[in-house]
Amino acid sequence: MTVSSRGIERRVDKRLELSLPITLLNQEVKSKNISPGGVYFEVTADNIEEYSLGKTTMIRIVTSVSTPGLPSKIVELTGIGMIIRIDKIDARYKGKRFGVALKFSEMK
């Protein structure tokens, strides 16, 4: 654990602030950050029950990676994750906005 300006950092893995396309629960979302252990993203949902704590769900992340001098490649990660945190972001509009933390339990 490290200490930051916001207090004690409890995260096990370092996060990368990346916006990657994610498919889960038949919804397309973008990641806010990702680590070897999980991903954080925002969703707009009328029914937050779909994203209840402890729920496991299939997840698919697709991105393009490139190395200088080599052609870019499409990388696809699929697996299962468990929802470990839900943050209420904005409820002023139709469809409520939530932040969701998902811990990877199995990825390929």
PDB file of N, CA and C in Angstrom:
ATOM      1  N   MET A   1       0.830  -1.178   0.000  1.00  0.00           N
ATOM      2  CA  MET A   1       0.000   0.000   0.000  1.00  0.00           C
ATOM      3  C   MET A   1       0.873   1.240   0.000  1.00  0.00           C
ATOM      4  N   THR A   2       0.401   2.235  -0.716  1.00  0.00           N
ATOM      5  CA  THR A   2       1.088   3.521  -0.728  1.00  0.00           C
ATOM      6  C   THR A   2       0.134   4.593  -0.222  1.00  0.00           C
ATOM      7  N   VAL A   3       0.700   5.713   0.160  1.00  0.00           N
ATOM      8  CA  VAL A   3      -0.120   6.820   0.628  1.00  0.00           C
ATOM      9  C   VAL A   3      -0.120   7.895  -0.448  1.00  0.00           C
ATOM     10  N   SER A   4      -1.309   8.334  -0.843  1.00  0.00           N
ATOM     11  CA  SER A   4      -1.445   9.396  -1.840  1.00  0.00           C
ATOM     12  C   SER A   4      -2.150  10.574  -1.190  1.00  0.00           C
ATOM     13  N   SER A   5      -2.388  11.620  -1.980  1.00  0.00           N
ATOM     14  CA  SER A   5      -3.087  12.794  -1.457  1.00  0.00           C
ATOM     15  C   SER A   5      -4.525  12.470  -1.062  1.00  0.00           C
ATOM     16  N   ARG A   6      -5.060  11.362  -1.587  1.00  0.00           N
ATOM     17  CA  ARG A   6      -6.431  10.963  -1.259  1.00  0.00           C
ATOM     18  C   ARG A   6      -6.464   9.911  -0.155  1.00  0.00           C
ATOM     19  N   GLY A   7      -5.332   9.634   0.477  1.00  0.00           N
ATOM     20  CA  GLY A   7      -5.302   8.655   1.558  1.00  0.00           C
ATOM     21  C   GLY A   7      -4.509   7.424   1.169  1.00  0.00           C
ATOM     22  N   ILE A   8      -4.777   6.327   1.855  1.00  0.00           N
ATOM     23  CA  ILE A   8      -4.051   5.083   1.614  1.00  0.00           C
ATOM     24  C   ILE A   8      -4.556   4.431   0.337  1.00  0.00           C
ATOM     25  N   GLU A   9      -3.631   4.065  -0.531  1.00  0.00           N
ATOM     26  CA  GLU A   9      -3.955   3.377  -1.784  1.00  0.00           C
ATOM     27  C   GLU A   9      -4.066   1.888  -1.480  1.00  0.00           C
ATOM     28  N   ARG A  10      -5.253   1.318  -1.663  1.00  0.00           N
ATOM     29  CA  ARG A  10      -5.486  -0.082  -1.338  1.00  0.00           C
ATOM     30  C   ARG A  10      -5.429  -1.000  -2.556  1.00  0.00           C
ATOM     31  N   ARG A  11      -5.268  -0.447  -3.704  1.00  0.00           N
ATOM     32  CA  ARG A  11      -5.259  -1.260  -4.922  1.00  0.00           C
ATOM     33  C   ARG A  11      -4.038  -2.167  -4.947  1.00  0.00           C
ATOM     34  N   VAL A  12      -4.267  -3.386  -5.397  1.00  0.00           N
ATOM     35  CA  VAL A  12      -3.182  -4.349  -5.518  1.00  0.00           C
ATOM     36  C   VAL A  12      -2.399  -4.098  -6.799  1.00  0.00           C
ATOM     37  N   ASP A  13      -3.107  -3.797  -7.891  1.00  0.00           N
ATOM     38  CA  ASP A  13      -2.487  -3.620  -9.205  1.00  0.00           C
ATOM     39  C   ASP A  13      -2.510  -2.154  -9.627  1.00  0.00           C
ATOM     40  N   LYS A  14      -1.473  -1.748 -10.349  1.00  0.00           N
ATOM     41  CA  LYS A  14      -1.409  -0.391 -10.898  1.00  0.00           C
ATOM     42  C   LYS A  14      -2.410  -0.269 -12.045  1.00  0.00           C
ATOM     43  N   ARG A  15      -3.120   0.852 -12.114  1.00  0.00           N
ATOM     44  CA  ARG A  15      -4.123   1.098 -13.144  1.00  0.00           C
ATOM     45  C   ARG A  15      -3.531   1.860 -14.319  1.00  0.00           C
ATOM     46  N   LEU A  16      -4.028   1.548 -15.512  1.00  0.00           N
ATOM     47  CA  LEU A  16      -3.720   2.318 -16.712  1.00  0.00           C
ATOM     48  C   LEU A  16      -4.988   3.053 -17.105  1.00  0.00           C
ATOM     49  N   GLU A  17      -4.888   4.362 -17.284  1.00  0.00           N
ATOM     50  CA  GLU A  17      -6.048   5.165 -17.685  1.00  0.00           C
ATOM     51  C   GLU A  17      -6.249   4.980 -19.189  1.00  0.00           C
ATOM     52  N   LEU A  18      -6.996   3.947 -19.574  1.00  0.00           N
ATOM     53  CA  LEU A  18      -7.240   3.629 -20.980  1.00  0.00           C
ATOM     54  C   LEU A  18      -8.731   3.542 -21.249  1.00  0.00           C
ATOM     55  N   SER A  19      -9.138   4.079 -22.382  1.00  0.00           N
ATOM     56  CA  SER A  19     -10.518   3.968 -22.824  1.00  0.00           C
ATOM     57  C   SER A  19     -10.586   2.884 -23.893  1.00  0.00           C
ATOM     58  N   LEU A  20     -10.986   1.687 -23.475  1.00  0.00           N
ATOM     59  CA  LEU A  20     -11.073   0.549 -24.382  1.00  0.00           C
ATOM     60  C   LEU A  20     -12.528   0.120 -24.517  1.00  0.00           C
ATOM     61  N   PRO A  21     -12.929  -0.338 -25.716  1.00  0.00           N
ATOM     62  CA  PRO A  21     -14.302  -0.814 -25.874  1.00  0.00           C
ATOM     63  C   PRO A  21     -14.515  -2.131 -25.126  1.00  0.00           C
ATOM     64  N   ILE A  22     -15.608  -2.197 -24.370  1.00  0.00           N
ATOM     65  CA  ILE A  22     -15.950  -3.383 -23.588  1.00  0.00           C
ATOM     66  C   ILE A  22     -17.372  -3.787 -23.941  1.00  0.00           C
ATOM     67  N   THR A  23     -17.592  -5.092 -24.085  1.00  0.00           N
ATOM     68  CA  THR A  23     -18.937  -5.622 -24.271  1.00  0.00           C
ATOM     69  C   THR A  23     -19.265  -6.493 -23.071  1.00  0.00           C
ATOM     70  N   LEU A  24     -20.386  -6.188 -22.403  1.00  0.00           N
ATOM     71  CA  LEU A  24     -20.881  -7.040 -21.334  1.00  0.00           C
ATOM     72  C   LEU A  24     -22.369  -6.800 -21.170  1.00  0.00           C
ATOM     73  N   LEU A  25     -23.071  -7.848 -20.778  1.00  0.00           N
ATOM     74  CA  LEU A  25     -24.526  -7.767 -20.625  1.00  0.00           C
ATOM     75  C   LEU A  25     -25.183  -7.145 -21.854  1.00  0.00           C
ATOM     76  N   ASN A  26     -24.697  -7.512 -23.024  1.00  0.00           N
ATOM     77  CA  ASN A  26     -25.217  -7.004 -24.299  1.00  0.00           C
ATOM     78  C   ASN A  26     -25.177  -5.487 -24.392  1.00  0.00           C
ATOM     79  N   GLN A  27     -24.236  -4.868 -23.720  1.00  0.00           N
ATOM     80  CA  GLN A  27     -24.089  -3.418 -23.760  1.00  0.00           C
ATOM     81  C   GLN A  27     -22.639  -3.090 -24.092  1.00  0.00           C
ATOM     82  N   GLU A  28     -22.469  -2.063 -24.922  1.00  0.00           N
ATOM     83  CA  GLU A  28     -21.130  -1.579 -25.262  1.00  0.00           C
ATOM     84  C   GLU A  28     -20.798  -0.405 -24.346  1.00  0.00           C
ATOM     85  N   VAL A  29     -19.658  -0.475 -23.674  1.00  0.00           N
ATOM     86  CA  VAL A  29     -19.205   0.612 -22.804  1.00  0.00           C
ATOM     87  C   VAL A  29     -17.724   0.852 -23.074  1.00  0.00           C
ATOM     88  N   LYS A  30     -17.154   1.867 -22.458  1.00  0.00           N
ATOM     89  CA  LYS A  30     -15.720   2.157 -22.580  1.00  0.00           C
ATOM     90  C   LYS A  30     -15.105   2.121 -21.193  1.00  0.00           C
ATOM     91  N   SER A  31     -13.922   1.538 -21.112  1.00  0.00           N
ATOM     92  CA  SER A  31     -13.233   1.501 -19.822  1.00  0.00           C
ATOM     93  C   SER A  31     -12.750   2.895 -19.450  1.00  0.00           C
ATOM     94  N   LYS A  32     -12.661   3.140 -18.157  1.00  0.00           N
ATOM     95  CA  LYS A  32     -12.040   4.357 -17.628  1.00  0.00           C
ATOM     96  C   LYS A  32     -10.601   4.042 -17.238  1.00  0.00           C
ATOM     97  N   ASN A  33     -10.413   2.861 -16.645  1.00  0.00           N
ATOM     98  CA  ASN A  33      -9.067   2.380 -16.345  1.00  0.00           C
ATOM     99  C   ASN A  33      -9.100   0.862 -16.278  1.00  0.00           C
ATOM    100  N   ILE A  34      -7.911   0.282 -16.418  1.00  0.00           N
ATOM    101  CA  ILE A  34      -7.799  -1.170 -16.455  1.00  0.00           C
ATOM    102  C   ILE A  34      -6.491  -1.571 -15.789  1.00  0.00           C
ATOM    103  N   SER A  35      -6.487  -2.760 -15.200  1.00  0.00           N
ATOM    104  CA  SER A  35      -5.286  -3.304 -14.572  1.00  0.00           C
ATOM    105  C   SER A  35      -5.273  -4.808 -14.828  1.00  0.00           C
ATOM    106  N   PRO A  36      -4.200  -5.486 -14.451  1.00  0.00           N
ATOM    107  CA  PRO A  36      -4.198  -6.945 -14.609  1.00  0.00           C
ATOM    108  C   PRO A  36      -5.318  -7.628 -13.816  1.00  0.00           C
ATOM    109  N   GLY A  37      -5.819  -6.966 -12.771  1.00  0.00           N
ATOM    110  CA  GLY A  37      -6.825  -7.588 -11.922  1.00  0.00           C
ATOM    111  C   GLY A  37      -8.263  -7.214 -12.207  1.00  0.00           C
ATOM    112  N   GLY A  38      -8.477  -6.149 -13.011  1.00  0.00           N
ATOM    113  CA  GLY A  38      -9.855  -5.751 -13.256  1.00  0.00           C
ATOM    114  C   GLY A  38      -9.973  -4.508 -14.106  1.00  0.00           C
ATOM    115  N   VAL A  39     -11.208  -4.028 -14.235  1.00  0.00           N
ATOM    116  CA  VAL A  39     -11.494  -2.878 -15.081  1.00  0.00           C
ATOM    117  C   VAL A  39     -12.581  -2.027 -14.418  1.00  0.00           C
ATOM    118  N   TYR A  40     -12.511  -0.709 -14.647  1.00  0.00           N
ATOM    119  CA  TYR A  40     -13.534   0.216 -14.152  1.00  0.00           C
ATOM    120  C   TYR A  40     -14.140   0.904 -15.362  1.00  0.00           C
ATOM    121  N   PHE A  41     -15.468   0.966 -15.407  1.00  0.00           N
ATOM    122  CA  PHE A  41     -16.159   1.575 -16.537  1.00  0.00           C
ATOM    123  C   PHE A  41     -17.430   2.242 -16.038  1.00  0.00           C
ATOM    124  N   GLU A  42     -18.025   3.067 -16.891  1.00  0.00           N
ATOM    125  CA  GLU A  42     -19.280   3.735 -16.565  1.00  0.00           C
ATOM    126  C   GLU A  42     -20.386   3.212 -17.467  1.00  0.00           C
ATOM    127  N   VAL A  43     -21.582   3.096 -16.898  1.00  0.00           N
ATOM    128  CA  VAL A  43     -22.748   2.639 -17.654  1.00  0.00           C
ATOM    129  C   VAL A  43     -23.923   3.564 -17.375  1.00  0.00           C
ATOM    130  N   THR A  44     -24.843   3.605 -18.320  1.00  0.00           N
ATOM    131  CA  THR A  44     -26.126   4.260 -18.116  1.00  0.00           C
ATOM    132  C   THR A  44     -27.163   3.156 -18.122  1.00  0.00           C
ATOM    133  N   ALA A  45     -27.899   3.041 -17.030  1.00  0.00           N
ATOM    134  CA  ALA A  45     -28.857   1.945 -16.917  1.00  0.00           C
ATOM    135  C   ALA A  45     -30.073   2.389 -16.126  1.00  0.00           C
ATOM    136  N   ASP A  46     -31.256   2.011 -16.609  1.00  0.00           N
ATOM    137  CA  ASP A  46     -32.476   2.244 -15.846  1.00  0.00           C
ATOM    138  C   ASP A  46     -32.579   1.222 -14.719  1.00  0.00           C
ATOM    139  N   ASN A  47     -32.043   0.026 -14.976  1.00  0.00           N
ATOM    140  CA  ASN A  47     -32.128  -1.061 -14.008  1.00  0.00           C
ATOM    141  C   ASN A  47     -30.727  -1.447 -13.548  1.00  0.00           C
ATOM    142  N   ILE A  48     -30.282  -0.900 -12.430  1.00  0.00           N
ATOM    143  CA  ILE A  48     -28.937  -1.188 -11.933  1.00  0.00           C
ATOM    144  C   ILE A  48     -28.824  -2.612 -11.396  1.00  0.00           C
ATOM    145  N   GLU A  49     -29.956  -3.303 -11.264  1.00  0.00           N
ATOM    146  CA  GLU A  49     -29.924  -4.695 -10.809  1.00  0.00           C
ATOM    147  C   GLU A  49     -29.032  -5.549 -11.713  1.00  0.00           C
ATOM    148  N   GLU A  50     -28.946  -5.184 -12.987  1.00  0.00           N
ATOM    149  CA  GLU A  50     -28.070  -5.918 -13.907  1.00  0.00           C
ATOM    150  C   GLU A  50     -26.623  -5.876 -13.449  1.00  0.00           C
ATOM    151  N   TYR A  51     -26.285  -4.841 -12.680  1.00  0.00           N
ATOM    152  CA  TYR A  51     -24.908  -4.634 -12.235  1.00  0.00           C
ATOM    153  C   TYR A  51     -24.796  -4.755 -10.714  1.00  0.00           C
ATOM    154  N   SER A  52     -25.506  -5.692 -10.126  1.00  0.00           N
ATOM    155  CA  SER A  52     -25.511  -5.813  -8.669  1.00  0.00           C
ATOM    156  C   SER A  52     -24.188  -6.386  -8.154  1.00  0.00           C
ATOM    157  N   LEU A  53     -23.840  -5.982  -6.930  1.00  0.00           N
ATOM    158  CA  LEU A  53     -22.600  -6.446  -6.301  1.00  0.00           C
ATOM    159  C   LEU A  53     -22.563  -7.966  -6.239  1.00  0.00           C
ATOM    160  N   GLY A  54     -21.406  -8.528  -6.559  1.00  0.00           N
ATOM    161  CA  GLY A  54     -21.217  -9.969  -6.507  1.00  0.00           C
ATOM    162  C   GLY A  54     -21.635 -10.700  -7.764  1.00  0.00           C
ATOM    163  N   LYS A  55     -22.308 -10.015  -8.674  1.00  0.00           N
ATOM    164  CA  LYS A  55     -22.758 -10.654  -9.916  1.00  0.00           C
ATOM    165  C   LYS A  55     -21.559 -10.972 -10.799  1.00  0.00           C
ATOM    166  N   THR A  56     -21.568 -12.152 -11.396  1.00  0.00           N
ATOM    167  CA  THR A  56     -20.530 -12.502 -12.361  1.00  0.00           C
ATOM    168  C   THR A  56     -21.113 -12.347 -13.756  1.00  0.00           C
ATOM    169  N   THR A  57     -20.265 -11.939 -14.683  1.00  0.00           N
ATOM    170  CA  THR A  57     -20.721 -11.688 -16.043  1.00  0.00           C
ATOM    171  C   THR A  57     -19.593 -11.958 -17.034  1.00  0.00           C
ATOM    172  N   MET A  58     -19.983 -12.276 -18.242  1.00  0.00           N
ATOM    173  CA  MET A  58     -19.017 -12.412 -19.329  1.00  0.00           C
ATOM    174  C   MET A  58     -18.562 -11.016 -19.735  1.00  0.00           C
ATOM    175  N   ILE A  59     -17.298 -10.897 -20.118  1.00  0.00           N
ATOM    176  CA  ILE A  59     -16.749  -9.612 -20.548  1.00  0.00           C
ATOM    177  C   ILE A  59     -15.871  -9.840 -21.772  1.00  0.00           C
ATOM    178  N   ARG A  60     -15.895  -8.866 -22.671  1.00  0.00           N
ATOM    179  CA  ARG A  60     -15.075  -8.925 -23.888  1.00  0.00           C
ATOM    180  C   ARG A  60     -14.463  -7.551 -24.101  1.00  0.00           C
ATOM    181  N   ILE A  61     -13.141  -7.524 -24.255  1.00  0.00           N
ATOM    182  CA  ILE A  61     -12.410  -6.281 -24.505  1.00  0.00           C
ATOM    183  C   ILE A  61     -11.631  -6.465 -25.799  1.00  0.00           C
ATOM    184  N   VAL A  62     -11.791  -5.540 -26.736  1.00  0.00           N
ATOM    185  CA  VAL A  62     -11.088  -5.608 -28.017  1.00  0.00           C
ATOM    186  C   VAL A  62     -10.328  -4.310 -28.214  1.00  0.00           C
ATOM    187  N   THR A  63      -9.057  -4.427 -28.587  1.00  0.00           N
ATOM    188  CA  THR A  63      -8.259  -3.235 -28.844  1.00  0.00           C
ATOM    189  C   THR A  63      -7.219  -3.525 -29.917  1.00  0.00           C
ATOM    190  N   SER A  64      -6.657  -2.492 -30.445  1.00  0.00           N
ATOM    191  CA  SER A  64      -5.593  -2.600 -31.436  1.00  0.00           C
ATOM    192  C   SER A  64      -4.283  -2.212 -30.763  1.00  0.00           C
ATOM    193  N   VAL A  65      -3.251  -3.012 -30.980  1.00  0.00           N
ATOM    194  CA  VAL A  65      -1.933  -2.693 -30.425  1.00  0.00           C
ATOM    195  C   VAL A  65      -0.940  -2.580 -31.567  1.00  0.00           C
ATOM    196  N   SER A  66       0.033  -1.714 -31.387  1.00  0.00           N
ATOM    197  CA  SER A  66       1.037  -1.553 -32.439  1.00  0.00           C
ATOM    198  C   SER A  66       2.421  -1.449 -31.827  1.00  0.00           C
ATOM    199  N   THR A  67       3.378  -1.930 -32.590  1.00  0.00           N
ATOM    200  CA  THR A  67       4.787  -1.848 -32.243  1.00  0.00           C
ATOM    201  C   THR A  67       5.472  -1.152 -33.408  1.00  0.00           C
ATOM    202  N   PRO A  68       6.314  -0.158 -33.136  1.00  0.00           N
ATOM    203  CA  PRO A  68       6.996   0.529 -34.241  1.00  0.00           C
ATOM    204  C   PRO A  68       7.675  -0.465 -35.189  1.00  0.00           C
ATOM    205  N   GLY A  69       7.412  -0.286 -36.468  1.00  0.00           N
ATOM    206  CA  GLY A  69       8.021  -1.136 -37.487  1.00  0.00           C
ATOM    207  C   GLY A  69       7.248  -2.405 -37.790  1.00  0.00           C
ATOM    208  N   LEU A  70       6.197  -2.681 -37.046  1.00  0.00           N
ATOM    209  CA  LEU A  70       5.391  -3.881 -37.275  1.00  0.00           C
ATOM    210  C   LEU A  70       3.936  -3.479 -37.514  1.00  0.00           C
ATOM    211  N   PRO A  71       3.191  -4.316 -38.262  1.00  0.00           N
ATOM    212  CA  PRO A  71       1.776  -3.990 -38.472  1.00  0.00           C
ATOM    213  C   PRO A  71       1.003  -4.088 -37.152  1.00  0.00           C
ATOM    214  N   SER A  72      -0.043  -3.273 -37.018  1.00  0.00           N
ATOM    215  CA  SER A  72      -0.843  -3.329 -35.792  1.00  0.00           C
ATOM    216  C   SER A  72      -1.649  -4.627 -35.760  1.00  0.00           C
ATOM    217  N   LYS A  73      -1.975  -5.059 -34.557  1.00  0.00           N
ATOM    218  CA  LYS A  73      -2.733  -6.293 -34.362  1.00  0.00           C
ATOM    219  C   LYS A  73      -3.958  -5.994 -33.514  1.00  0.00           C
ATOM    220  N   ILE A  74      -5.016  -6.739 -33.780  1.00  0.00           N
ATOM    221  CA  ILE A  74      -6.215  -6.667 -32.949  1.00  0.00           C
ATOM    222  C   ILE A  74      -6.062  -7.706 -31.842  1.00  0.00           C
ATOM    223  N   VAL A  75      -6.249  -7.262 -30.602  1.00  0.00           N
ATOM    224  CA  VAL A  75      -6.168  -8.154 -29.448  1.00  0.00           C
ATOM    225  C   VAL A  75      -7.552  -8.232 -28.826  1.00  0.00           C
ATOM    226  N   GLU A  76      -8.019  -9.450 -28.584  1.00  0.00           N
ATOM    227  CA  GLU A  76      -9.327  -9.656 -27.969  1.00  0.00           C
ATOM    228  C   GLU A  76      -9.161 -10.463 -26.687  1.00  0.00           C
ATOM    229  N   LEU A  77      -9.659  -9.914 -25.590  1.00  0.00           N
ATOM    230  CA  LEU A  77      -9.664 -10.609 -24.308  1.00  0.00           C
ATOM    231  C   LEU A  77     -11.105 -10.942 -23.963  1.00  0.00           C
ATOM    232  N   THR A  78     -11.364 -12.183 -23.620  1.00  0.00           N
ATOM    233  CA  THR A  78     -12.697 -12.573 -23.186  1.00  0.00           C
ATOM    234  C   THR A  78     -12.574 -13.324 -21.876  1.00  0.00           C
ATOM    235  N   GLY A  79     -13.603 -13.264 -21.091  1.00  0.00           N
ATOM    236  CA  GLY A  79     -13.561 -13.978 -19.829  1.00  0.00           C
ATOM    237  C   GLY A  79     -14.750 -13.679 -18.954  1.00  0.00           C
ATOM    238  N   ILE A  80     -14.536 -13.894 -17.665  1.00  0.00           N
ATOM    239  CA  ILE A  80     -15.579 -13.711 -16.667  1.00  0.00           C
ATOM    240  C   ILE A  80     -15.051 -12.782 -15.591  1.00  0.00           C
ATOM    241  N   GLY A  81     -15.913 -11.909 -15.115  1.00  0.00           N
ATOM    242  CA  GLY A  81     -15.540 -11.010 -14.034  1.00  0.00           C
ATOM    243  C   GLY A  81     -16.665 -10.886 -13.030  1.00  0.00           C
ATOM    244  N   MET A  82     -16.310 -10.409 -11.829  1.00  0.00           N
ATOM    245  CA  MET A  82     -17.294 -10.218 -10.772  1.00  0.00           C
ATOM    246  C   MET A  82     -17.357  -8.741 -10.394  1.00  0.00           C
ATOM    247  N   ILE A  83     -18.555  -8.211 -10.285  1.00  0.00           N
ATOM    248  CA  ILE A  83     -18.753  -6.810  -9.910  1.00  0.00           C
ATOM    249  C   ILE A  83     -18.464  -6.652  -8.420  1.00  0.00           C
ATOM    250  N   ILE A  84     -17.493  -5.772  -8.107  1.00  0.00           N
ATOM    251  CA  ILE A  84     -17.081  -5.609  -6.712  1.00  0.00           C
ATOM    252  C   ILE A  84     -17.390  -4.224  -6.147  1.00  0.00           C
ATOM    253  N   ARG A  85     -17.773  -3.272  -7.019  1.00  0.00           N
ATOM    254  CA  ARG A  85     -18.123  -1.936  -6.527  1.00  0.00           C
ATOM    255  C   ARG A  85     -19.003  -1.226  -7.549  1.00  0.00           C
ATOM    256  N   ILE A  86     -19.954  -0.429  -7.038  1.00  0.00           N
ATOM    257  CA  ILE A  86     -20.806   0.398  -7.890  1.00  0.00           C
ATOM    258  C   ILE A  86     -20.801   1.808  -7.310  1.00  0.00           C
ATOM    259  N   ASP A  87     -20.511   2.802  -8.152  1.00  0.00           N
ATOM    260  CA  ASP A  87     -20.503   4.204  -7.740  1.00  0.00           C
ATOM    261  C   ASP A  87     -21.620   4.935  -8.471  1.00  0.00           C
ATOM    262  N   LYS A  88     -22.458   5.654  -7.741  1.00  0.00           N
ATOM    263  CA  LYS A  88     -23.499   6.463  -8.373  1.00  0.00           C
ATOM    264  C   LYS A  88     -22.840   7.738  -8.885  1.00  0.00           C
ATOM    265  N   ILE A  89     -22.971   8.017 -10.185  1.00  0.00           N
ATOM    266  CA  ILE A  89     -22.308   9.170 -10.786  1.00  0.00           C
ATOM    267  C   ILE A  89     -23.290  10.302 -11.042  1.00  0.00           C
ATOM    268  N   ASP A  90     -24.382  10.010 -11.743  1.00  0.00           N
ATOM    269  CA  ASP A  90     -25.319  11.070 -12.108  1.00  0.00           C
ATOM    270  C   ASP A  90     -26.707  10.476 -12.288  1.00  0.00           C
ATOM    271  N   ALA A  91     -27.668  10.993 -11.569  1.00  0.00           N
ATOM    272  CA  ALA A  91     -29.034  10.477 -11.668  1.00  0.00           C
ATOM    273  C   ALA A  91     -30.011  11.550 -12.132  1.00  0.00           C
ATOM    274  N   ARG A  92     -29.498  12.636 -12.704  1.00  0.00           N
ATOM    275  CA  ARG A  92     -30.367  13.741 -13.129  1.00  0.00           C
ATOM    276  C   ARG A  92     -31.110  13.463 -14.423  1.00  0.00           C
ATOM    277  N   TYR A  93     -30.597  12.563 -15.234  1.00  0.00           N
ATOM    278  CA  TYR A  93     -31.168  12.334 -16.550  1.00  0.00           C
ATOM    279  C   TYR A  93     -31.854  10.983 -16.603  1.00  0.00           C
ATOM    280  N   LYS A  94     -32.639  10.783 -17.669  1.00  0.00           N
ATOM    281  CA  LYS A  94     -33.264   9.479 -17.875  1.00  0.00           C
ATOM    282  C   LYS A  94     -32.163   8.441 -18.018  1.00  0.00           C
ATOM    283  N   GLY A  95     -32.260   7.386 -17.309  1.00  0.00           N
ATOM    284  CA  GLY A  95     -31.181   6.418 -17.266  1.00  0.00           C
ATOM    285  C   GLY A  95     -30.137   6.924 -16.293  1.00  0.00           C
ATOM    286  N   LYS A  96     -29.855   6.164 -15.312  1.00  0.00           N
ATOM    287  CA  LYS A  96     -28.912   6.598 -14.281  1.00  0.00           C
ATOM    288  C   LYS A  96     -27.499   6.201 -14.666  1.00  0.00           C
ATOM    289  N   ARG A  97     -26.530   7.033 -14.313  1.00  0.00           N
ATOM    290  CA  ARG A  97     -25.127   6.797 -14.662  1.00  0.00           C
ATOM    291  C   ARG A  97     -24.406   6.238 -13.443  1.00  0.00           C
ATOM    292  N   PHE A  98     -23.701   5.120 -13.649  1.00  0.00           N
ATOM    293  CA  PHE A  98     -22.987   4.449 -12.578  1.00  0.00           C
ATOM    294  C   PHE A  98     -21.570   4.102 -13.014  1.00  0.00           C
ATOM    295  N   GLY A  99     -20.660   4.102 -12.063  1.00  0.00           N
ATOM    296  CA  GLY A  99     -19.324   3.574 -12.276  1.00  0.00           C
ATOM    297  C   GLY A  99     -19.305   2.163 -11.720  1.00  0.00           C
ATOM    298  N   VAL A 100     -18.713   1.237 -12.458  1.00  0.00           N
ATOM    299  CA  VAL A 100     -18.705  -0.170 -12.059  1.00  0.00           C
ATOM    300  C   VAL A 100     -17.269  -0.685 -12.048  1.00  0.00           C
ATOM    301  N   ALA A 101     -16.882  -1.301 -10.928  1.00  0.00           N
ATOM    302  CA  ALA A 101     -15.573  -1.949 -10.823  1.00  0.00           C
ATOM    303  C   ALA A 101     -15.794  -3.447 -10.954  1.00  0.00           C
ATOM    304  N   LEU A 102     -15.101  -4.052 -11.907  1.00  0.00           N
ATOM    305  CA  LEU A 102     -15.240  -5.474 -12.177  1.00  0.00           C
ATOM    306  C   LEU A 102     -13.885  -6.141 -11.990  1.00  0.00           C
ATOM    307  N   LYS A 103     -13.840  -7.169 -11.174  1.00  0.00           N
ATOM    308  CA  LYS A 103     -12.607  -7.925 -10.926  1.00  0.00           C
ATOM    309  C   LYS A 103     -12.590  -9.131 -11.856  1.00  0.00           C
ATOM    310  N   PHE A 104     -11.486  -9.290 -12.595  1.00  0.00           N
ATOM    311  CA  PHE A 104     -11.371 -10.437 -13.490  1.00  0.00           C
ATOM    312  C   PHE A 104     -11.243 -11.714 -12.660  1.00  0.00           C
ATOM    313  N   SER A 105     -12.008 -12.743 -13.044  1.00  0.00           N
ATOM    314  CA  SER A 105     -11.846 -14.031 -12.382  1.00  0.00           C
ATOM    315  C   SER A 105     -11.319 -15.080 -13.351  1.00  0.00           C
ATOM    316  N   GLU A 106     -11.517 -14.835 -14.637  1.00  0.00           N
ATOM    317  CA  GLU A 106     -11.012 -15.757 -15.662  1.00  0.00           C
ATOM    318  C   GLU A 106     -10.920 -14.994 -16.977  1.00  0.00           C
ATOM    319  N   MET A 107      -9.725 -14.916 -17.551  1.00  0.00           N
ATOM    320  CA  MET A 107      -9.550 -14.203 -18.820  1.00  0.00           C
ATOM    321  C   MET A 107      -8.736 -15.062 -19.779  1.00  0.00           C
ATOM    322  N   LYS A 108      -9.056 -14.926 -21.081  1.00  0.00           N
ATOM    323  CA  LYS A 108      -8.313 -15.632 -22.137  1.00  0.00           C
ATOM    324  C   LYS A 108      -7.814 -14.629 -23.140  1.00  0.00           C
TER     325      LYS A 108
END
